[in-house]
């Protein structure tokens, strides 16, 4: 299991939170995705054997929320 914090500057509201959490939490390999709207961060627990960080970033791009950076959790 891996944990990472993603910086997503386009997060601005509860709708953004629901869209991101809905998209990621339905993906195989994602244990938990939680959005903190005020800090514009996504806290992600995932299994790198099932889903890569690149795949996560592509999902977020497709939802309209590009990742600006990441830090280990």
Protein backbone atom coordinates (compact mmCIF):
# COMPACT_ATOMS: atom_id res chain seq x y z
CA UNK A 1 0.00 0.00 0.00
CA UNK A 2 1.20 3.50 -0.78
CA UNK A 3 0.10 6.91 0.46
CA UNK A 4 0.57 10.18 -1.37
CA UNK A 5 -0.72 13.74 -1.22
CA UNK A 6 -1.53 15.33 -4.58
CA UNK A 7 -1.61 19.10 -5.14
CA UNK A 8 -4.61 19.93 -7.35
CA UNK A 9 -4.92 23.72 -7.69
CA UNK A 10 -8.26 23.63 -9.54
CA UNK A 11 -10.15 22.27 -6.50
CA UNK A 12 -12.49 25.05 -5.41
CA UNK A 13 -15.73 23.64 -4.03
CA UNK A 14 -17.75 20.69 -2.76
CA UNK A 15 -18.64 19.73 -6.34
CA UNK A 16 -14.91 19.33 -7.10
CA UNK A 17 -14.54 17.19 -3.99
CA UNK A 18 -17.41 14.88 -4.96
CA UNK A 19 -16.21 14.56 -8.57
CA UNK A 20 -12.65 13.66 -7.59
CA UNK A 21 -13.57 11.31 -4.74
CA UNK A 22 -16.22 9.63 -6.90
CA UNK A 23 -13.84 9.09 -9.79
CA UNK A 24 -10.94 7.76 -7.71
CA UNK A 25 -12.78 5.72 -5.08
CA UNK A 26 -14.39 3.61 -7.82
CA UNK A 27 -11.03 2.58 -9.28
CA UNK A 28 -9.58 -0.86 -8.51
CA UNK A 29 -6.48 -0.41 -6.39
CA UNK A 30 -7.62 2.82 -4.73
CA UNK A 31 -8.23 2.19 -1.05
CA UNK A 32 -9.16 5.76 -0.16
CA UNK A 33 -9.24 9.15 -1.84
CA UNK A 34 -10.13 12.17 0.27
CA UNK A 35 -10.18 15.77 -0.91
CA UNK A 36 -9.40 18.73 1.34
CA UNK A 37 -10.99 21.70 -0.44
CA UNK A 38 -9.30 24.54 1.54
CA UNK A 39 -5.78 23.19 0.92
CA UNK A 40 -6.57 21.91 -2.61
CA UNK A 41 -5.06 18.51 -1.81
CA UNK A 42 -6.07 14.91 -2.48
CA UNK A 43 -4.99 12.37 0.13
CA UNK A 44 -4.65 9.03 -1.64
CA UNK A 45 -4.12 5.50 -0.33
CA UNK A 46 -3.59 3.05 -3.17
CA UNK A 47 -2.03 -0.24 -4.21
CA UNK A 48 0.69 0.46 -6.80
CA UNK A 49 0.42 -3.15 -7.96
CA UNK A 50 -3.12 -2.44 -9.18
CA UNK A 51 -3.03 1.22 -10.21
CA UNK A 52 -0.09 3.49 -10.97
CA UNK A 53 0.32 7.11 -9.99
CA UNK A 54 0.32 7.90 -13.70
CA UNK A 55 -3.10 6.28 -14.07
CA UNK A 56 -4.39 8.31 -11.12
CA UNK A 57 -3.11 11.52 -12.72
CA UNK A 58 -4.78 10.60 -16.03
CA UNK A 59 -8.09 10.02 -14.25
CA UNK A 60 -7.82 13.42 -12.59
CA UNK A 61 -6.87 15.07 -15.91
CA UNK A 62 -9.91 13.47 -17.55
CA UNK A 63 -12.11 14.90 -14.77
CA UNK A 64 -10.62 18.36 -15.36
CA UNK A 65 -8.36 18.47 -12.31
CA UNK A 66 -4.68 18.27 -13.35
CA UNK A 67 -2.13 17.42 -10.67
CA UNK A 68 0.46 20.15 -10.05
CA UNK A 69 2.68 18.11 -7.72
CA UNK A 70 2.83 15.34 -5.16
CA UNK A 71 4.45 14.61 -1.82
CA UNK A 72 4.68 11.35 0.13
CA UNK A 73 2.09 11.12 2.89
